[in-house]
N, C-alpha and C. Protein backbone atom coordinates (compact mmCIF):
# COMPACT_ATOMS: atom_id res chain seq x y z
N MET A 1 -0.29 1.60 6.96
CA MET A 1 -1.66 1.60 6.51
C MET A 1 -2.51 2.62 7.28
N LYS A 2 -2.15 2.95 8.48
CA LYS A 2 -2.94 3.89 9.26
C LYS A 2 -2.95 5.27 8.62
N LYS A 3 -1.86 5.65 7.97
CA LYS A 3 -1.80 6.96 7.34
C LYS A 3 -2.77 7.04 6.17
N ASN A 4 -3.02 5.93 5.50
CA ASN A 4 -3.92 5.94 4.35
C ASN A 4 -5.35 6.22 4.76
N LYS A 5 -5.73 5.90 5.97
CA LYS A 5 -7.10 6.11 6.42
C LYS A 5 -7.44 7.59 6.56
N LEU A 6 -6.44 8.43 6.69
CA LEU A 6 -6.67 9.85 6.91
C LEU A 6 -6.70 10.67 5.63
N PHE A 7 -6.52 10.02 4.48
CA PHE A 7 -6.44 10.78 3.23
C PHE A 7 -7.76 11.47 2.90
N ALA A 8 -8.85 10.74 2.92
CA ALA A 8 -10.16 11.31 2.55
C ALA A 8 -10.56 12.47 3.47
N PRO A 9 -10.48 12.30 4.79
CA PRO A 9 -10.85 13.44 5.65
C PRO A 9 -9.92 14.65 5.47
N PHE A 10 -8.63 14.38 5.26
CA PHE A 10 -7.71 15.50 5.07
C PHE A 10 -8.05 16.26 3.79
N LEU A 11 -8.30 15.53 2.72
CA LEU A 11 -8.65 16.18 1.45
C LEU A 11 -9.94 16.99 1.59
N MET A 12 -10.91 16.42 2.27
CA MET A 12 -12.18 17.09 2.48
C MET A 12 -11.99 18.38 3.27
N LEU A 13 -11.26 18.30 4.38
CA LEU A 13 -11.07 19.48 5.22
C LEU A 13 -10.23 20.56 4.53
N PHE A 14 -9.24 20.13 3.76
CA PHE A 14 -8.41 21.08 3.03
C PHE A 14 -9.24 21.83 1.99
N ALA A 15 -10.05 21.09 1.23
CA ALA A 15 -10.91 21.72 0.23
C ALA A 15 -11.92 22.65 0.90
N GLY A 16 -12.46 22.22 2.03
CA GLY A 16 -13.41 23.07 2.76
C GLY A 16 -12.77 24.36 3.24
N ALA A 17 -11.54 24.27 3.72
CA ALA A 17 -10.83 25.47 4.19
C ALA A 17 -10.57 26.43 3.03
N VAL A 18 -10.13 25.89 1.89
CA VAL A 18 -9.85 26.74 0.73
C VAL A 18 -11.12 27.43 0.25
N VAL A 19 -12.21 26.67 0.14
CA VAL A 19 -13.47 27.24 -0.33
C VAL A 19 -14.00 28.27 0.67
N SER A 20 -13.90 27.98 1.95
CA SER A 20 -14.37 28.92 2.97
C SER A 20 -13.61 30.24 2.89
N LEU A 21 -12.30 30.16 2.77
CA LEU A 21 -11.50 31.38 2.67
C LEU A 21 -11.84 32.17 1.41
N MET A 22 -12.00 31.47 0.29
CA MET A 22 -12.34 32.18 -0.95
C MET A 22 -13.70 32.85 -0.85
N MET A 23 -14.68 32.17 -0.28
CA MET A 23 -16.00 32.76 -0.15
C MET A 23 -15.98 33.94 0.82
N TYR A 24 -15.16 33.86 1.86
CA TYR A 24 -15.05 34.97 2.81
C TYR A 24 -14.46 36.20 2.12
N PHE A 25 -13.41 35.98 1.32
CA PHE A 25 -12.78 37.11 0.64
C PHE A 25 -13.67 37.71 -0.45
N PHE A 26 -14.57 36.89 -1.03
CA PHE A 26 -15.49 37.41 -2.04
C PHE A 26 -16.82 37.87 -1.43
N HIS A 27 -16.85 37.98 -0.10
CA HIS A 27 -17.98 38.56 0.65
C HIS A 27 -19.31 37.83 0.41
N TYR A 28 -19.26 36.50 0.46
CA TYR A 28 -20.50 35.72 0.41
C TYR A 28 -21.19 35.85 1.76
N SER A 29 -22.50 35.79 1.76
CA SER A 29 -23.24 35.80 3.02
C SER A 29 -23.20 34.38 3.62
N THR A 30 -23.50 34.30 4.90
CA THR A 30 -23.48 33.00 5.58
C THR A 30 -24.50 32.04 4.97
N GLY A 31 -25.64 32.57 4.58
CA GLY A 31 -26.67 31.75 3.96
C GLY A 31 -26.22 31.14 2.63
N GLU A 32 -25.35 31.85 1.92
CA GLU A 32 -24.82 31.33 0.66
C GLU A 32 -23.64 30.38 0.90
N MET A 33 -22.88 30.68 1.94
CA MET A 33 -21.66 29.91 2.20
C MET A 33 -21.95 28.47 2.64
N LEU A 34 -22.91 28.31 3.55
CA LEU A 34 -23.12 26.99 4.15
C LEU A 34 -23.54 25.90 3.16
N PRO A 35 -24.51 26.14 2.28
CA PRO A 35 -24.85 25.07 1.32
C PRO A 35 -23.70 24.74 0.37
N ILE A 36 -22.99 25.77 -0.07
CA ILE A 36 -21.85 25.55 -0.97
C ILE A 36 -20.78 24.74 -0.25
N LEU A 37 -20.50 25.12 0.99
CA LEU A 37 -19.48 24.41 1.78
C LEU A 37 -19.88 22.96 2.01
N LEU A 38 -21.16 22.73 2.30
CA LEU A 38 -21.63 21.36 2.52
C LEU A 38 -21.44 20.52 1.25
N ILE A 39 -21.79 21.07 0.11
CA ILE A 39 -21.62 20.35 -1.15
C ILE A 39 -20.15 20.05 -1.42
N VAL A 40 -19.29 21.04 -1.19
CA VAL A 40 -17.85 20.85 -1.40
C VAL A 40 -17.31 19.77 -0.47
N LEU A 41 -17.72 19.77 0.78
CA LEU A 41 -17.24 18.76 1.73
C LEU A 41 -17.66 17.36 1.31
N VAL A 42 -18.90 17.20 0.90
CA VAL A 42 -19.40 15.88 0.49
C VAL A 42 -18.68 15.40 -0.76
N VAL A 43 -18.55 16.27 -1.76
CA VAL A 43 -17.90 15.89 -3.02
C VAL A 43 -16.45 15.51 -2.78
N PHE A 44 -15.72 16.30 -2.02
CA PHE A 44 -14.31 16.00 -1.80
C PHE A 44 -14.11 14.80 -0.87
N TYR A 45 -15.07 14.54 0.02
CA TYR A 45 -14.95 13.33 0.82
C TYR A 45 -15.13 12.09 -0.05
N MET A 46 -16.11 12.15 -0.96
CA MET A 46 -16.31 11.01 -1.87
C MET A 46 -15.11 10.83 -2.79
N ALA A 47 -14.56 11.92 -3.31
CA ALA A 47 -13.38 11.83 -4.18
C ALA A 47 -12.20 11.27 -3.40
N GLY A 48 -12.00 11.73 -2.18
CA GLY A 48 -10.91 11.23 -1.36
C GLY A 48 -11.07 9.77 -1.01
N SER A 49 -12.30 9.34 -0.75
CA SER A 49 -12.55 7.93 -0.46
C SER A 49 -12.25 7.05 -1.66
N PHE A 50 -12.63 7.52 -2.85
CA PHE A 50 -12.35 6.78 -4.08
C PHE A 50 -10.85 6.66 -4.31
N ILE A 51 -10.14 7.77 -4.17
CA ILE A 51 -8.68 7.75 -4.35
C ILE A 51 -8.03 6.85 -3.30
N GLN A 52 -8.48 6.95 -2.07
CA GLN A 52 -7.95 6.12 -0.98
C GLN A 52 -8.18 4.64 -1.27
N MET A 53 -9.35 4.28 -1.80
CA MET A 53 -9.65 2.90 -2.12
C MET A 53 -8.71 2.39 -3.22
N LYS A 54 -8.47 3.20 -4.24
CA LYS A 54 -7.59 2.80 -5.34
C LYS A 54 -6.14 2.66 -4.87
N VAL A 55 -5.69 3.56 -4.03
CA VAL A 55 -4.32 3.49 -3.50
C VAL A 55 -4.16 2.25 -2.63
N ASN A 56 -5.13 1.96 -1.79
CA ASN A 56 -5.06 0.76 -0.94
C ASN A 56 -5.02 -0.51 -1.77
N ALA A 57 -5.82 -0.56 -2.85
CA ALA A 57 -5.80 -1.74 -3.73
C ALA A 57 -4.45 -1.88 -4.40
N PHE A 58 -3.87 -0.77 -4.82
CA PHE A 58 -2.56 -0.79 -5.46
C PHE A 58 -1.48 -1.26 -4.48
N VAL A 59 -1.52 -0.76 -3.27
CA VAL A 59 -0.54 -1.16 -2.25
C VAL A 59 -0.69 -2.64 -1.91
N ARG A 60 -1.93 -3.11 -1.80
CA ARG A 60 -2.19 -4.53 -1.52
C ARG A 60 -1.64 -5.41 -2.64
N GLN A 61 -1.81 -4.98 -3.88
CA GLN A 61 -1.31 -5.73 -5.02
C GLN A 61 0.22 -5.81 -4.99
N ILE A 62 0.86 -4.73 -4.66
CA ILE A 62 2.32 -4.71 -4.57
C ILE A 62 2.79 -5.63 -3.45
N ASP A 63 2.10 -5.59 -2.30
CA ASP A 63 2.47 -6.46 -1.18
C ASP A 63 2.33 -7.93 -1.54
N GLU A 64 1.25 -8.29 -2.26
CA GLU A 64 1.06 -9.68 -2.66
C GLU A 64 2.15 -10.14 -3.62
N GLU A 65 2.51 -9.28 -4.58
CA GLU A 65 3.58 -9.64 -5.52
C GLU A 65 4.91 -9.80 -4.79
N GLN A 66 5.17 -8.94 -3.83
CA GLN A 66 6.42 -9.03 -3.07
C GLN A 66 6.43 -10.30 -2.23
N ALA A 67 5.32 -10.67 -1.63
CA ALA A 67 5.25 -11.90 -0.84
C ALA A 67 5.46 -13.12 -1.72
N ALA A 68 4.90 -13.09 -2.93
CA ALA A 68 5.08 -14.21 -3.86
C ALA A 68 6.54 -14.33 -4.28
N ARG A 69 7.18 -13.20 -4.53
CA ARG A 69 8.61 -13.21 -4.89
C ARG A 69 9.46 -13.75 -3.75
N GLU A 70 9.16 -13.34 -2.53
CA GLU A 70 9.91 -13.81 -1.37
C GLU A 70 9.73 -15.31 -1.17
N ALA A 71 8.51 -15.80 -1.38
CA ALA A 71 8.25 -17.23 -1.24
C ALA A 71 9.01 -18.01 -2.31
N GLU A 72 9.06 -17.48 -3.51
CA GLU A 72 9.80 -18.14 -4.60
C GLU A 72 11.30 -18.17 -4.30
N GLU A 73 11.83 -17.06 -3.78
CA GLU A 73 13.24 -17.01 -3.42
C GLU A 73 13.56 -17.99 -2.29
N ALA A 74 12.66 -18.09 -1.32
CA ALA A 74 12.86 -19.02 -0.21
C ALA A 74 12.85 -20.46 -0.72
N LYS A 75 11.97 -20.77 -1.67
CA LYS A 75 11.90 -22.11 -2.23
C LYS A 75 13.19 -22.44 -2.98
N LYS A 76 13.70 -21.47 -3.75
CA LYS A 76 14.96 -21.68 -4.47
C LYS A 76 16.11 -21.90 -3.50
N ALA A 77 16.15 -21.12 -2.44
CA ALA A 77 17.21 -21.26 -1.45
C ALA A 77 17.13 -22.63 -0.78
N GLU A 78 15.92 -23.09 -0.49
CA GLU A 78 15.74 -24.41 0.12
C GLU A 78 16.21 -25.51 -0.83
N GLU A 79 15.88 -25.38 -2.12
CA GLU A 79 16.30 -26.38 -3.09
C GLU A 79 17.83 -26.40 -3.22
N GLU A 80 18.45 -25.22 -3.22
CA GLU A 80 19.91 -25.14 -3.30
C GLU A 80 20.55 -25.78 -2.08
N ALA A 81 19.99 -25.54 -0.91
CA ALA A 81 20.53 -26.13 0.32
C ALA A 81 20.40 -27.64 0.28
N LEU A 82 19.27 -28.14 -0.21
CA LEU A 82 19.07 -29.57 -0.32
C LEU A 82 20.07 -30.19 -1.30
N GLU A 83 20.32 -29.51 -2.43
CA GLU A 83 21.30 -30.00 -3.39
C GLU A 83 22.70 -30.02 -2.78
N ASN A 84 23.02 -29.00 -2.01
CA ASN A 84 24.34 -28.94 -1.37
C ASN A 84 24.51 -30.08 -0.36
N VAL A 85 23.45 -30.38 0.38
CA VAL A 85 23.52 -31.48 1.35
C VAL A 85 23.69 -32.80 0.63
N GLU A 86 22.94 -33.00 -0.46
CA GLU A 86 23.06 -34.24 -1.22
C GLU A 86 24.45 -34.38 -1.83
N ALA A 87 25.00 -33.29 -2.33
CA ALA A 87 26.34 -33.33 -2.91
C ALA A 87 27.38 -33.66 -1.84
N ALA A 88 27.20 -33.11 -0.64
CA ALA A 88 28.13 -33.38 0.44
C ALA A 88 28.03 -34.85 0.86
N GLN A 89 26.84 -35.40 0.89
CA GLN A 89 26.67 -36.80 1.24
C GLN A 89 27.30 -37.71 0.18
N GLU A 90 27.14 -37.37 -1.09
CA GLU A 90 27.75 -38.17 -2.15
C GLU A 90 29.27 -38.13 -2.05
N THR A 91 29.80 -36.96 -1.77
CA THR A 91 31.25 -36.82 -1.62
C THR A 91 31.73 -37.66 -0.44
N GLU A 92 31.00 -37.59 0.66
CA GLU A 92 31.36 -38.35 1.85
C GLU A 92 31.28 -39.85 1.57
N ASN A 93 30.25 -40.28 0.87
CA ASN A 93 30.09 -41.70 0.54
C ASN A 93 31.21 -42.17 -0.38
N SER A 94 31.61 -41.34 -1.34
CA SER A 94 32.69 -41.75 -2.25
C SER A 94 34.03 -41.81 -1.51
N GLU A 95 34.23 -40.94 -0.53
CA GLU A 95 35.46 -40.97 0.25
C GLU A 95 35.50 -42.23 1.12
N VAL A 96 34.35 -42.57 1.71
CA VAL A 96 34.28 -43.77 2.55
C VAL A 96 34.48 -45.01 1.69
N SER A 97 33.93 -45.06 0.48
CA SER A 97 34.10 -46.21 -0.43
C SER A 97 35.54 -46.32 -0.88
N GLY A 98 36.19 -45.21 -1.08
CA GLY A 98 37.56 -45.21 -1.54
C GLY A 98 38.52 -45.69 -0.46
N GLU A 99 38.18 -45.51 0.79
CA GLU A 99 39.06 -45.92 1.90
C GLU A 99 39.03 -47.43 2.06
N ASN A 100 37.97 -48.08 1.69
CA ASN A 100 37.85 -49.55 1.88
C ASN A 100 38.70 -50.21 0.92
């Protein structure tokens, strides 16, 4: 989960680097670059936060489904073990009755 927290800042910084390089190569002045860069950073941070939120919700949903499946499997295994113990006791009781 710690890696998911870095998605929005990474996306923001990557977009900022790409835009900065493009503006440098197209000879934008510093006065033109800074407002554009600020807007790009804010927009991509918000987009990254939204994507990060959706991915976290999706991962949480998968984890809950997996936990429910594991609990169901554990319940089935417990029921099977209980049935096996009861069957062993019945067999033991029938053997003891047969010896008398």
